[in-house]
Amino acid sequence: MSTPSASSGPATPAAAPAVGPAAGPTADAATAAPGSGPGRFGSLGPVGLVLAAGLSVQFGGALAVTLMPRAGALGIVTLRLLVAAVVLLVVCRPRLRGHSRTDWGTVVVFGITMGGMNGLFYQALDRIPLGPAVTLEVLGPLALSVLASRRAINLVWAGLALGGVFLLSGGGFDTLDPVGAAYAVGAGAMWAAYIVFSARTGRRFPQADGLALAMAVAAVLCLPLGIAESGTKLLDPVTVGLGAAVALMSSVLPYTLELLALRRLPAPTFAILMSLEPAIAAAAGFLILNQALTATEAAAIALVIAASMGAVRTQVGRRKAPVTATPS
């Protein structure tokens, strides 16, 4: 996940205006940051940071899967969000006064979408392999990008994505747990909402203050669910330690790396790189969880990645199109 995938959680592969689950900062902040122009050295460094963030979040997701027998999906989500919230609140020290009711409403909804995205995605990971789960989750941002663009070419990207989903489902989700697949699609819908409210929060709160507050909201909302499912298992020192590792790998470290990358990397390029998340997730699932992909599943993931990249490039081309004067 992307992001929070976590994706899954939290960067968006299909919507250049904002960053998804694997990232906290919005692209609006990135485009305003200095040094985002092209350059030989600057283009290599940020790309490496983005890829490192993707590896961190997906391998963190794989580690979370190994922890689920110890504390359950909701228990792991709770530990991840709690640790990430504490770290971000300590580092950011967001100001609580001076915000309007609309500001607080925005950050609360942002926190709700973050908690829902993570909770649904981890429920999916408890039932289906990591690679297919991220592939289905990425449909949310992809759909948002296609609908926002309203260009005919996006029918091609939508068709590719649907073809990928059809292959992944085996014509009816016979090879995947349908409940797990539904959770992944639900996480994708929450990811799309996350993108919208991430951008709004970034405009209303300075730096990463809104992200820290939203993470706290998500942690508070998920805490009762985690306690109900896992109870005293959440107090086991080994589980807490490994849960903290998941939080650092899936939230804190990716957010930091992506924030650094976005200062020197154009947001559309960042979004295209994040389209590789399903492939990274599949690799993490294979290396950590022994979740080998069939040729059909690999082809399905490739189709969704191609659709995501195509949708982003269409959005970029639309922004760069010259504006011609209308004859009077």
Protein backbone atom coordinates (compact mmCIF):
# COMPACT_ATOMS: atom_id res chain seq x y z
CA MET A 1 0.00 0.00 0.00
CA SER A 2 -0.07 2.89 -1.05
CA THR A 3 -0.86 5.11 1.50
CA PRO A 4 -1.15 6.17 3.52
CA SER A 5 -0.55 2.69 0.07
CA ALA A 6 -0.52 1.83 1.94
CA SER A 7 -0.92 1.29 -0.01
CA SER A 8 -1.25 1.52 0.45
CA GLY A 9 -0.57 3.64 0.88
CA PRO A 10 0.83 6.79 0.51
CA ALA A 11 1.59 8.44 -3.55
CA THR A 12 -0.76 8.53 -6.41
CA PRO A 13 0.21 6.81 -9.60
CA ALA A 14 -2.67 8.16 -11.58
CA ALA A 15 -3.24 11.70 -10.42
CA ALA A 16 -0.47 14.20 -10.74
CA PRO A 17 -2.10 16.87 -8.58
CA ALA A 18 -1.37 15.10 -5.32
CA VAL A 19 0.44 12.33 -3.58
CA GLY A 20 -1.24 9.16 -2.48
CA PRO A 21 -0.99 6.69 0.41
CA ALA A 22 2.64 6.33 0.48
CA ALA A 23 3.24 10.01 0.72
CA GLY A 24 2.16 12.84 2.91
CA PRO A 25 3.10 16.02 1.08
CA THR A 26 1.02 17.27 -1.79
CA ALA A 27 2.31 17.98 -5.22
CA ASP A 28 1.19 21.57 -4.82
CA ALA A 29 3.93 22.00 -2.27
CA ALA A 30 6.34 20.20 -4.53
CA THR A 31 5.78 22.42 -7.48
CA ALA A 32 6.41 25.43 -5.30
CA ALA A 33 9.66 23.99 -3.98
CA PRO A 34 12.92 25.16 -5.44
CA GLY A 35 15.14 22.97 -7.51
CA SER A 36 12.44 20.97 -9.25
CA GLY A 37 13.80 21.82 -12.68
CA PRO A 38 15.61 19.28 -14.83
CA GLY A 39 19.26 18.55 -14.27
CA ARG A 40 21.50 15.56 -14.72
CA PHE A 41 22.41 15.19 -11.07
CA GLY A 42 19.06 16.34 -9.76
CA SER A 43 17.15 13.89 -11.96
CA LEU A 44 19.05 10.87 -10.67
CA GLY A 45 18.90 11.70 -6.96
CA PRO A 46 15.12 12.22 -6.67
CA VAL A 47 14.36 9.15 -8.78
CA GLY A 48 16.45 7.06 -6.41
CA LEU A 49 14.58 8.54 -3.45
CA VAL A 50 11.19 7.72 -4.98
CA LEU A 51 12.22 4.15 -5.78
CA ALA A 52 13.64 3.74 -2.27
CA ALA A 53 10.34 5.00 -0.85
CA GLY A 54 8.41 2.51 -2.98
CA LEU A 55 10.64 -0.34 -1.85
CA SER A 56 10.26 0.72 1.76
CA VAL A 57 6.48 0.93 1.73
CA GLN A 58 5.93 -2.33 -0.16
CA PHE A 59 8.44 -4.35 1.84
CA GLY A 60 6.86 -2.82 4.93
CA GLY A 61 3.55 -4.17 3.68
CA ALA A 62 5.11 -7.59 3.24
CA LEU A 63 6.41 -7.45 6.82
CA ALA A 64 2.91 -6.50 7.97
CA VAL A 65 1.51 -9.66 6.36
CA THR A 66 3.93 -11.80 8.39
CA LEU A 67 2.68 -10.06 11.56
CA MET A 68 -1.03 -10.63 10.94
CA PRO A 69 -1.10 -14.08 12.60
CA ARG A 70 0.27 -12.41 15.75
CA ALA A 71 -2.07 -9.41 15.99
CA GLY A 72 -4.56 -9.49 13.12
CA ALA A 73 -4.98 -7.07 10.26
CA LEU A 74 -6.67 -4.32 12.29
CA GLY A 75 -4.17 -4.74 15.11
CA ILE A 76 -1.25 -4.16 12.74
CA VAL A 77 -3.01 -1.15 11.18
CA THR A 78 -3.52 0.30 14.66
CA LEU A 79 0.13 -0.15 15.62
CA ARG A 80 1.28 1.35 12.32
CA LEU A 81 -0.92 4.42 12.60
CA LEU A 82 -0.19 4.98 16.30
CA VAL A 83 3.58 4.86 15.88
CA ALA A 84 3.48 6.98 12.73
CA ALA A 85 1.22 9.53 14.45
CA VAL A 86 3.52 9.81 17.46
CA VAL A 87 6.62 10.24 15.30
CA LEU A 88 4.98 12.86 13.05
CA LEU A 89 3.50 14.80 15.95
CA VAL A 90 6.87 14.91 17.72
CA VAL A 91 8.75 15.92 14.57
CA CYS A 92 6.20 18.40 13.15
CA ARG A 93 4.80 19.78 16.44
CA PRO A 94 1.74 21.15 14.62
CA ARG A 95 0.06 24.29 15.94
CA LEU A 96 -3.44 23.56 17.26
CA ARG A 97 -4.72 27.12 17.54
CA GLY A 98 -5.61 29.56 14.83
CA HIS A 99 -7.39 27.12 12.51
CA SER A 100 -10.94 27.59 11.27
CA ARG A 101 -13.77 25.10 11.59
CA THR A 102 -13.36 24.33 7.89
CA ASP A 103 -9.66 23.62 8.43
CA TRP A 104 -10.43 21.12 11.17
CA GLY A 105 -13.23 19.56 9.13
CA THR A 106 -10.82 19.04 6.25
CA VAL A 107 -8.12 17.44 8.39
CA VAL A 108 -10.66 15.17 10.14
CA VAL A 109 -12.02 13.91 6.81
CA PHE A 110 -8.42 13.46 5.63
CA GLY A 111 -7.76 11.34 8.73
CA ILE A 112 -10.91 9.29 8.14
CA THR A 113 -9.89 8.53 4.56
CA MET A 114 -6.38 7.64 5.71
CA GLY A 115 -7.68 5.25 8.37
CA GLY A 116 -10.21 3.71 6.00
CA MET A 117 -7.62 3.29 3.26
CA ASN A 118 -5.17 1.53 5.56
CA GLY A 119 -7.79 -0.59 7.29
CA LEU A 120 -9.35 -1.83 4.05
CA PHE A 121 -5.97 -2.47 2.43
CA TYR A 122 -4.67 -4.54 5.33
CA GLN A 123 -7.91 -6.53 5.32
CA ALA A 124 -7.18 -7.23 1.65
CA LEU A 125 -3.59 -8.27 2.44
CA ASP A 126 -4.97 -10.77 4.95
CA ARG A 127 -6.81 -12.52 2.09
CA ILE A 128 -5.00 -11.99 -1.23
CA PRO A 129 -1.34 -11.63 -2.34
CA LEU A 130 0.41 -8.28 -2.07
CA GLY A 131 0.93 -7.70 -5.82
CA PRO A 132 -2.71 -8.20 -6.87
CA ALA A 133 -3.90 -6.22 -3.83
CA VAL A 134 -1.85 -3.15 -4.80
CA THR A 135 -2.90 -3.56 -8.43
CA LEU A 136 -6.59 -3.47 -7.51
CA GLU A 137 -6.01 -0.61 -5.08
CA VAL A 138 -4.34 1.51 -7.76
CA LEU A 139 -7.62 1.51 -9.71
CA GLY A 140 -8.96 4.20 -7.36
CA PRO A 141 -6.42 6.90 -8.29
CA LEU A 142 -6.54 5.74 -11.91
CA ALA A 143 -10.31 6.20 -12.03
CA LEU A 144 -9.95 9.64 -10.44
CA SER A 145 -7.42 10.68 -13.07
CA VAL A 146 -9.53 9.38 -15.97
CA LEU A 147 -12.69 11.09 -14.72
CA ALA A 148 -10.89 14.36 -14.01
CA SER A 149 -9.32 14.52 -17.47
CA ARG A 150 -12.46 13.89 -19.58
CA ARG A 151 -10.42 13.15 -22.71
CA ALA A 152 -11.22 10.43 -25.22
CA ILE A 153 -7.75 8.90 -24.92
CA ASN A 154 -8.57 8.02 -21.32
CA LEU A 155 -11.03 5.44 -22.63
CA VAL A 156 -7.93 3.57 -23.83
CA TRP A 157 -6.34 3.72 -20.38
CA ALA A 158 -9.60 2.66 -18.74
CA GLY A 159 -9.85 -0.25 -21.18
CA LEU A 160 -6.30 -1.36 -20.39
CA ALA A 161 -7.03 -1.20 -16.67
CA LEU A 162 -10.25 -3.17 -17.03
CA GLY A 163 -8.40 -5.74 -19.13
CA GLY A 164 -5.84 -6.05 -16.35
CA VAL A 165 -8.56 -6.51 -13.75
CA PHE A 166 -10.27 -9.16 -15.91
CA LEU A 167 -7.02 -11.09 -16.22
CA LEU A 168 -6.33 -10.72 -12.51
CA SER A 169 -9.78 -11.98 -11.62
CA GLY A 170 -9.55 -14.99 -13.90
CA GLY A 171 -12.88 -13.91 -15.42
CA GLY A 172 -14.66 -13.92 -12.07
CA PHE A 173 -12.17 -13.75 -9.21
CA ASP A 174 -11.97 -17.54 -9.11
CA THR A 175 -8.26 -17.35 -8.30
CA LEU A 176 -8.57 -14.51 -5.75
CA ASP A 177 -10.65 -14.33 -2.61
CA PRO A 178 -13.59 -12.13 -3.70
CA VAL A 179 -13.84 -10.55 -0.25
CA GLY A 180 -10.14 -9.68 -0.32
CA ALA A 181 -10.50 -8.26 -3.82
CA ALA A 182 -13.48 -6.16 -2.67
CA TYR A 183 -11.42 -4.82 0.25
CA ALA A 184 -8.62 -3.86 -2.16
CA VAL A 185 -11.04 -2.04 -4.48
CA GLY A 186 -12.54 -0.29 -1.45
CA ALA A 187 -9.06 0.77 -0.38
CA GLY A 188 -8.57 2.19 -3.88
CA ALA A 189 -11.74 4.27 -3.53
CA MET A 190 -10.47 5.60 -0.22
CA TRP A 191 -7.11 6.28 -1.86
CA ALA A 192 -8.84 8.49 -4.43
CA ALA A 193 -10.57 10.39 -1.60
CA TYR A 194 -7.23 10.59 0.21
CA ILE A 195 -5.71 12.32 -2.83
CA VAL A 196 -8.43 14.97 -2.87
CA PHE A 197 -8.24 15.72 0.86
CA SER A 198 -4.46 15.50 0.95
CA ALA A 199 -4.33 18.39 -1.50
CA ARG A 200 -6.94 20.36 0.44
CA THR A 201 -5.15 19.77 3.73
CA GLY A 202 -1.83 20.80 2.22
CA ARG A 203 -3.36 24.12 1.19
CA ARG A 204 -4.80 24.80 4.65
CA PHE A 205 -1.93 23.68 6.90
CA PRO A 206 1.76 24.59 6.69
CA GLN A 207 4.43 22.00 5.90
CA ALA A 208 3.38 18.54 7.15
CA ASP A 209 1.25 19.79 10.06
CA GLY A 210 -1.99 18.65 8.45
CA LEU A 211 -0.56 15.22 7.75
CA ALA A 212 0.53 14.80 11.38
CA LEU A 213 -2.90 15.83 12.68
CA ALA A 214 -4.72 13.61 10.16
CA MET A 215 -2.51 10.66 11.12
CA ALA A 216 -3.51 11.22 14.76
CA VAL A 217 -7.18 11.24 13.77
CA ALA A 218 -6.73 7.99 11.84
CA ALA A 219 -4.93 6.37 14.78
CA VAL A 220 -7.67 7.38 17.25
CA LEU A 221 -10.39 6.04 14.94
CA CYS A 222 -8.63 2.71 14.38
CA LEU A 223 -7.61 2.16 18.01
CA PRO A 224 -11.00 0.72 19.18
CA LEU A 225 -11.09 -1.64 16.20
CA GLY A 226 -7.54 -2.82 16.84
CA ILE A 227 -8.25 -3.40 20.54
CA ALA A 228 -11.47 -5.26 19.73
CA GLU A 229 -9.66 -7.59 17.32
CA SER A 230 -6.32 -8.06 19.05
CA GLY A 231 -6.77 -7.07 22.70
CA THR A 232 -3.69 -7.66 24.82
CA LYS A 233 -1.75 -8.95 21.80
CA LEU A 234 -1.05 -5.31 21.01
CA LEU A 235 1.00 -5.12 24.22
CA ASP A 236 3.35 -7.96 23.29
CA PRO A 237 6.86 -6.41 23.07
CA VAL A 238 7.81 -8.34 19.94
CA THR A 239 4.58 -7.38 18.20
CA VAL A 240 4.98 -3.74 19.23
CA GLY A 241 8.58 -3.70 17.97
CA LEU A 242 7.72 -5.25 14.63
CA GLY A 243 4.65 -3.04 14.33
CA ALA A 244 6.86 -0.01 14.87
CA ALA A 245 9.14 -1.29 12.10
CA VAL A 246 6.10 -1.51 9.79
CA ALA A 247 5.17 2.07 10.69
CA LEU A 248 8.66 3.33 9.95
CA MET A 249 8.93 1.40 6.68
CA SER A 250 5.39 2.04 5.42
CA SER A 251 4.76 5.58 6.67
CA VAL A 252 7.55 7.64 8.23
CA LEU A 253 10.46 6.70 5.95
CA PRO A 254 8.49 6.86 2.65
CA TYR A 255 6.95 10.22 3.59
CA THR A 256 10.40 11.62 4.31
CA LEU A 257 12.01 10.25 1.16
CA GLU A 258 9.16 11.43 -1.05
CA LEU A 259 9.17 14.89 0.53
CA LEU A 260 12.87 15.19 -0.31
CA ALA A 261 12.28 13.89 -3.83
CA LEU A 262 9.38 16.24 -4.52
CA ARG A 263 11.62 19.23 -3.82
CA ARG A 264 13.67 18.40 -6.93
CA LEU A 265 11.34 16.27 -9.03
CA PRO A 266 8.33 17.52 -11.04
CA ALA A 267 5.09 16.12 -9.62
CA PRO A 268 4.01 14.45 -12.92
CA THR A 269 7.32 12.56 -13.10
CA PHE A 270 6.85 11.54 -9.50
CA ALA A 271 3.37 10.22 -10.27
CA ILE A 272 4.65 8.18 -13.22
CA LEU A 273 7.32 6.61 -11.03
CA MET A 274 4.68 5.73 -8.46
CA SER A 275 2.85 3.80 -11.17
CA LEU A 276 5.47 1.11 -10.61
CA GLU A 277 4.07 0.37 -7.14
CA PRO A 278 2.21 -2.82 -8.20
CA ALA A 279 5.43 -4.23 -9.69
CA ILE A 280 7.40 -3.40 -6.54
CA ALA A 281 4.65 -4.96 -4.44
CA ALA A 282 4.74 -8.12 -6.53
CA ALA A 283 8.52 -8.33 -6.06
CA ALA A 284 8.16 -7.82 -2.29
CA GLY A 285 5.46 -10.47 -2.12
CA PHE A 286 7.68 -12.93 -3.99
CA LEU A 287 10.87 -12.26 -2.00
CA ILE A 288 9.37 -11.98 1.49
CA LEU A 289 6.16 -14.01 1.32
CA ASN A 290 6.93 -16.50 -1.48
CA GLN A 291 3.88 -15.20 -3.38
CA ALA A 292 4.82 -16.14 -6.92
CA LEU A 293 2.79 -14.65 -9.77
CA THR A 294 1.42 -16.62 -12.66
CA ALA A 295 2.07 -15.35 -16.19
CA THR A 296 -1.54 -14.15 -16.38
CA GLU A 297 -1.23 -12.20 -13.10
CA ALA A 298 2.03 -10.63 -14.27
CA ALA A 299 0.37 -9.57 -17.53
CA ALA A 300 -2.56 -8.12 -15.58
CA ILE A 301 -0.25 -6.04 -13.39
CA ALA A 302 1.63 -4.83 -16.48
CA LEU A 303 -1.63 -3.67 -18.08
CA VAL A 304 -2.65 -1.69 -14.99
CA ILE A 305 0.81 -0.11 -14.76
CA ALA A 306 0.63 0.88 -18.44
CA ALA A 307 -2.85 2.35 -17.94
CA SER A 308 -1.68 4.33 -14.92
CA MET A 309 1.37 5.73 -16.70
CA GLY A 310 -0.71 6.59 -19.75
CA ALA A 311 -3.29 8.44 -17.67
CA VAL A 312 -0.60 10.49 -15.95
CA ARG A 313 1.08 11.38 -19.25
CA THR A 314 -2.29 12.44 -20.66
CA GLN A 315 -2.81 14.76 -17.69
CA VAL A 316 0.67 16.22 -18.16
CA GLY A 317 0.11 16.77 -21.89
CA ARG A 318 -3.16 18.52 -21.16
CA ARG A 319 -1.45 20.96 -18.78
CA LYS A 320 1.36 21.68 -21.25
CA ALA A 321 -0.95 22.24 -24.22
CA PRO A 322 -0.60 25.82 -25.52
CA VAL A 323 -3.57 28.12 -25.13
CA THR A 324 -4.54 29.80 -28.41
CA ALA A 325 -6.49 33.00 -28.64
CA THR A 326 -10.01 32.80 -29.97
CA PRO A 327 -10.52 34.89 -33.12
CA SER A 328 -12.64 37.92 -32.43
